[in-house]
């Protein structure tokens, strides 16, 4: 299992003289009702379809929850300020939702750190989902 060391996350948030590359969290539009082990290849397939943008994207995707009650969430950093040129190489990218994070907001920084460190559960709809599996796109 690959985890992002905390020292790298601290350096990632340090100010630079140029505008930072934006971070984009994403989520799958549906809650998979299947085995956790069967969801990871689906995420891997999405990553495979992003192959043409490999030099423009870095990110992680995680599966949270348990069998028949899970969520797929993740976060990418892309080169450039718009997500479409990086993600539209995947024919199904429109089925995922992407939102630009603000690097100055504490909660956005924490979200990115949580997604990349794979240490914390995620809460949605008043329910807590434990981290189950993850995949890195680099």
C-alpha atoms as a PDB file:
ATOM      1  CA  UNK A   1       0.000   0.000   0.000  1.00  0.00           C
ATOM      2  CA  UNK A   2       1.373   3.421  -0.978  1.00  0.00           C
ATOM      3  CA  UNK A   3       0.703   6.309   1.378  1.00  0.00           C
ATOM      4  CA  UNK A   4       1.728   9.904   0.921  1.00  0.00           C
ATOM      5  CA  UNK A   5       4.266  10.835   3.664  1.00  0.00           C
ATOM      6  CA  UNK A   6       3.171  13.775   5.808  1.00  0.00           C
ATOM      7  CA  UNK A   7       6.348  15.709   4.977  1.00  0.00           C
ATOM      8  CA  UNK A   8       5.331  15.740   1.309  1.00  0.00           C
ATOM      9  CA  UNK A   9       1.859  17.025   2.175  1.00  0.00           C
ATOM     10  CA  UNK A  10       3.361  19.876   4.224  1.00  0.00           C
ATOM     11  CA  UNK A  11       5.678  20.827   1.359  1.00  0.00           C
ATOM     12  CA  UNK A  12       2.786  20.633  -1.112  1.00  0.00           C
ATOM     13  CA  UNK A  13       0.967  23.427   0.744  1.00  0.00           C
ATOM     14  CA  UNK A  14       3.962  25.783   1.006  1.00  0.00           C
ATOM     15  CA  UNK A  15       3.611  29.037  -0.957  1.00  0.00           C
ATOM     16  CA  UNK A  16       5.316  29.281  -4.354  1.00  0.00           C
ATOM     17  CA  UNK A  17       5.997  32.301  -6.577  1.00  0.00           C
ATOM     18  CA  UNK A  18       3.713  30.959  -9.304  1.00  0.00           C
ATOM     19  CA  UNK A  19      -0.013  30.199  -9.045  1.00  0.00           C
ATOM     20  CA  UNK A  20      -0.574  26.725  -7.576  1.00  0.00           C
ATOM     21  CA  UNK A  21      -1.909  23.907  -9.692  1.00  0.00           C
ATOM     22  CA  UNK A  22      -5.514  23.379  -8.671  1.00  0.00           C
ATOM     23  CA  UNK A  23      -6.746  20.363  -6.740  1.00  0.00           C
ATOM     24  CA  UNK A  24      -9.934  18.645  -7.847  1.00  0.00           C
ATOM     25  CA  UNK A  25     -11.823  16.239  -5.603  1.00  0.00           C
ATOM     26  CA  UNK A  26     -14.035  13.790  -7.420  1.00  0.00           C
ATOM     27  CA  UNK A  27     -16.763  11.368  -6.526  1.00  0.00           C
ATOM     28  CA  UNK A  28     -18.513   8.562  -8.269  1.00  0.00           C
ATOM     29  CA  UNK A  29     -22.152   9.387  -9.025  1.00  0.00           C
ATOM     30  CA  UNK A  30     -23.491   6.129  -7.638  1.00  0.00           C
ATOM     31  CA  UNK A  31     -22.958   4.069  -4.528  1.00  0.00           C
ATOM     32  CA  UNK A  32     -21.546   0.713  -5.596  1.00  0.00           C
ATOM     33  CA  UNK A  33     -23.566  -2.213  -4.319  1.00  0.00           C
ATOM     34  CA  UNK A  34     -20.922  -4.871  -4.678  1.00  0.00           C
ATOM     35  CA  UNK A  35     -17.847  -6.413  -3.075  1.00  0.00           C
ATOM     36  CA  UNK A  36     -15.082  -3.939  -2.163  1.00  0.00           C
ATOM     37  CA  UNK A  37     -12.594  -6.070  -4.127  1.00  0.00           C
ATOM     38  CA  UNK A  38     -14.703  -5.582  -7.288  1.00  0.00           C
ATOM     39  CA  UNK A  39     -14.769  -1.780  -7.011  1.00  0.00           C
ATOM     40  CA  UNK A  40     -10.987  -1.279  -7.239  1.00  0.00           C
ATOM     41  CA  UNK A  41     -10.804  -2.591 -10.847  1.00  0.00           C
ATOM     42  CA  UNK A  42     -13.549  -0.103 -11.775  1.00  0.00           C
ATOM     43  CA  UNK A  43     -11.391   2.728 -10.406  1.00  0.00           C
ATOM     44  CA  UNK A  44      -8.398   1.201 -12.192  1.00  0.00           C
ATOM     45  CA  UNK A  45     -10.381   1.257 -15.426  1.00  0.00           C
ATOM     46  CA  UNK A  46     -11.097   4.961 -14.997  1.00  0.00           C
ATOM     47  CA  UNK A  47      -7.388   5.545 -14.377  1.00  0.00           C
ATOM     48  CA  UNK A  48      -6.536   3.546 -17.511  1.00  0.00           C
ATOM     49  CA  UNK A  49      -8.849   5.739 -19.568  1.00  0.00           C
ATOM     50  CA  UNK A  50      -6.984   8.784 -18.184  1.00  0.00           C
ATOM     51  CA  UNK A  51      -3.658   7.447 -19.491  1.00  0.00           C
ATOM     52  CA  UNK A  52      -3.343  10.107 -22.214  1.00  0.00           C
ATOM     53  CA  UNK A  53      -3.274  12.777 -19.473  1.00  0.00           C
ATOM     54  CA  UNK A  54      -0.796  10.988 -17.191  1.00  0.00           C
ATOM     55  CA  UNK A  55       1.821  13.765 -17.364  1.00  0.00           C
ATOM     56  CA  UNK A  56      -0.807  16.351 -16.361  1.00  0.00           C
ATOM     57  CA  UNK A  57      -2.478  14.576 -13.420  1.00  0.00           C
ATOM     58  CA  UNK A  58      -1.582  13.129 -10.017  1.00  0.00           C
ATOM     59  CA  UNK A  59      -4.124  11.812  -7.564  1.00  0.00           C
ATOM     60  CA  UNK A  60      -5.608   9.076  -5.436  1.00  0.00           C
ATOM     61  CA  UNK A  61      -8.965   7.353  -5.367  1.00  0.00           C
ATOM     62  CA  UNK A  62     -10.328   5.530  -2.345  1.00  0.00           C
ATOM     63  CA  UNK A  63     -13.155   3.154  -1.622  1.00  0.00           C
ATOM     64  CA  UNK A  64     -14.867   3.802   1.689  1.00  0.00           C
ATOM     65  CA  UNK A  65     -17.343   1.555   3.477  1.00  0.00           C
ATOM     66  CA  UNK A  66     -18.065  -2.130   3.294  1.00  0.00           C
ATOM     67  CA  UNK A  67     -19.648  -4.603   0.925  1.00  0.00           C
ATOM     68  CA  UNK A  68     -22.938  -3.328  -0.538  1.00  0.00           C
ATOM     69  CA  UNK A  69     -22.548   0.049   1.232  1.00  0.00           C
ATOM     70  CA  UNK A  70     -19.582   1.979  -0.142  1.00  0.00           C
ATOM     71  CA  UNK A  71     -18.450   5.262  -1.702  1.00  0.00           C
ATOM     72  CA  UNK A  72     -15.696   6.119  -4.176  1.00  0.00           C
ATOM     73  CA  UNK A  73     -13.949   9.439  -3.513  1.00  0.00           C
ATOM     74  CA  UNK A  74     -10.611  10.934  -4.457  1.00  0.00           C
ATOM     75  CA  UNK A  75      -8.576  14.011  -5.267  1.00  0.00           C
ATOM     76  CA  UNK A  76      -6.383  14.986  -8.204  1.00  0.00           C
ATOM     77  CA  UNK A  77      -3.917  17.781  -8.808  1.00  0.00           C
ATOM     78  CA  UNK A  78      -3.771  18.823 -12.451  1.00  0.00           C
ATOM     79  CA  UNK A  79      -1.554  21.059 -14.511  1.00  0.00           C
ATOM     80  CA  UNK A  80      -3.574  24.057 -15.636  1.00  0.00           C
ATOM     81  CA  UNK A  81      -6.586  25.791 -14.158  1.00  0.00           C
ATOM     82  CA  UNK A  82      -9.431  23.877 -15.858  1.00  0.00           C
ATOM     83  CA  UNK A  83     -10.271  20.217 -15.316  1.00  0.00           C
ATOM     84  CA  UNK A  84     -11.880  19.412 -18.659  1.00  0.00           C
ATOM     85  CA  UNK A  85      -8.729  19.265 -20.838  1.00  0.00           C
ATOM     86  CA  UNK A  86      -7.116  16.819 -18.400  1.00  0.00           C
ATOM     87  CA  UNK A  87     -10.130  14.581 -17.820  1.00  0.00           C
ATOM     88  CA  UNK A  88     -12.003  14.579 -21.131  1.00  0.00           C
ATOM     89  CA  UNK A  89      -9.664  11.884 -22.509  1.00  0.00           C
ATOM     90  CA  UNK A  90     -11.760   9.436 -20.457  1.00  0.00           C
ATOM     91  CA  UNK A  91     -15.072   8.906 -22.252  1.00  0.00           C
ATOM     92  CA  UNK A  92     -16.930   8.488 -18.953  1.00  0.00           C
ATOM     93  CA  UNK A  93     -15.414  11.463 -17.099  1.00  0.00           C
ATOM     94  CA  UNK A  94     -18.774  13.275 -17.173  1.00  0.00           C
ATOM     95  CA  UNK A  95     -20.257  10.588 -14.920  1.00  0.00           C
ATOM     96  CA  UNK A  96     -17.918  11.773 -12.136  1.00  0.00           C
ATOM     97  CA  UNK A  97     -18.338  15.063 -10.339  1.00  0.00           C
ATOM     98  CA  UNK A  98     -15.320  17.385  -9.999  1.00  0.00           C
ATOM     99  CA  UNK A  99     -15.076  20.504  -7.838  1.00  0.00           C
ATOM    100  CA  UNK A 100     -12.116  22.872  -7.635  1.00  0.00           C
ATOM    101  CA  UNK A 101     -10.592  23.163  -4.158  1.00  0.00           C
ATOM    102  CA  UNK A 102      -9.405  26.461  -2.707  1.00  0.00           C
ATOM    103  CA  UNK A 103      -5.866  25.970  -1.318  1.00  0.00           C
ATOM    104  CA  UNK A 104      -6.417  28.815   1.155  1.00  0.00           C
ATOM    105  CA  UNK A 105      -9.395  27.158   2.860  1.00  0.00           C
ATOM    106  CA  UNK A 106      -8.469  24.958   5.812  1.00  0.00           C
ATOM    107  CA  UNK A 107     -11.197  22.378   5.147  1.00  0.00           C
ATOM    108  CA  UNK A 108     -10.071  21.983   1.520  1.00  0.00           C
ATOM    109  CA  UNK A 109      -6.461  21.430   2.627  1.00  0.00           C
ATOM    110  CA  UNK A 110      -7.627  18.862   5.168  1.00  0.00           C
ATOM    111  CA  UNK A 111      -9.752  17.088   2.564  1.00  0.00           C
ATOM    112  CA  UNK A 112      -6.778  16.768   0.213  1.00  0.00           C
ATOM    113  CA  UNK A 113      -4.514  15.528   3.017  1.00  0.00           C
ATOM    114  CA  UNK A 114      -7.113  12.987   4.132  1.00  0.00           C
ATOM    115  CA  UNK A 115      -7.578  11.704   0.582  1.00  0.00           C
ATOM    116  CA  UNK A 116      -3.853  11.269   0.049  1.00  0.00           C
ATOM    117  CA  UNK A 117      -2.956   9.849   3.455  1.00  0.00           C
ATOM    118  CA  UNK A 118      -5.742   7.230   3.584  1.00  0.00           C
ATOM    119  CA  UNK A 119      -5.880   7.533   7.378  1.00  0.00           C
ATOM    120  CA  UNK A 120      -9.318   8.958   8.065  1.00  0.00           C
ATOM    121  CA  UNK A 121     -12.861   7.822   7.374  1.00  0.00           C
ATOM    122  CA  UNK A 122     -15.201   9.994   5.324  1.00  0.00           C
ATOM    123  CA  UNK A 123     -18.618  11.221   6.417  1.00  0.00           C
ATOM    124  CA  UNK A 124     -21.527  11.632   4.043  1.00  0.00           C
ATOM    125  CA  UNK A 125     -25.219  11.940   4.703  1.00  0.00           C
ATOM    126  CA  UNK A 126     -24.652  11.697   8.453  1.00  0.00           C
ATOM    127  CA  UNK A 127     -22.995   8.300   8.048  1.00  0.00           C
ATOM    128  CA  UNK A 128     -19.312   7.469   8.550  1.00  0.00           C
ATOM    129  CA  UNK A 129     -17.549   5.269   6.011  1.00  0.00           C
ATOM    130  CA  UNK A 130     -14.205   3.694   6.930  1.00  0.00           C
ATOM    131  CA  UNK A 131     -11.388   3.606   4.361  1.00  0.00           C
ATOM    132  CA  UNK A 132     -11.306   0.191   2.660  1.00  0.00           C
ATOM    133  CA  UNK A 133      -9.010   0.373  -0.379  1.00  0.00           C
ATOM    134  CA  UNK A 134      -7.236   2.871  -2.580  1.00  0.00           C
ATOM    135  CA  UNK A 135      -5.389   3.403  -5.816  1.00  0.00           C
ATOM    136  CA  UNK A 136      -2.806   6.014  -6.856  1.00  0.00           C
ATOM    137  CA  UNK A 137      -2.686   7.650 -10.290  1.00  0.00           C
ATOM    138  CA  UNK A 138       0.804   8.934 -11.016  1.00  0.00           C
END
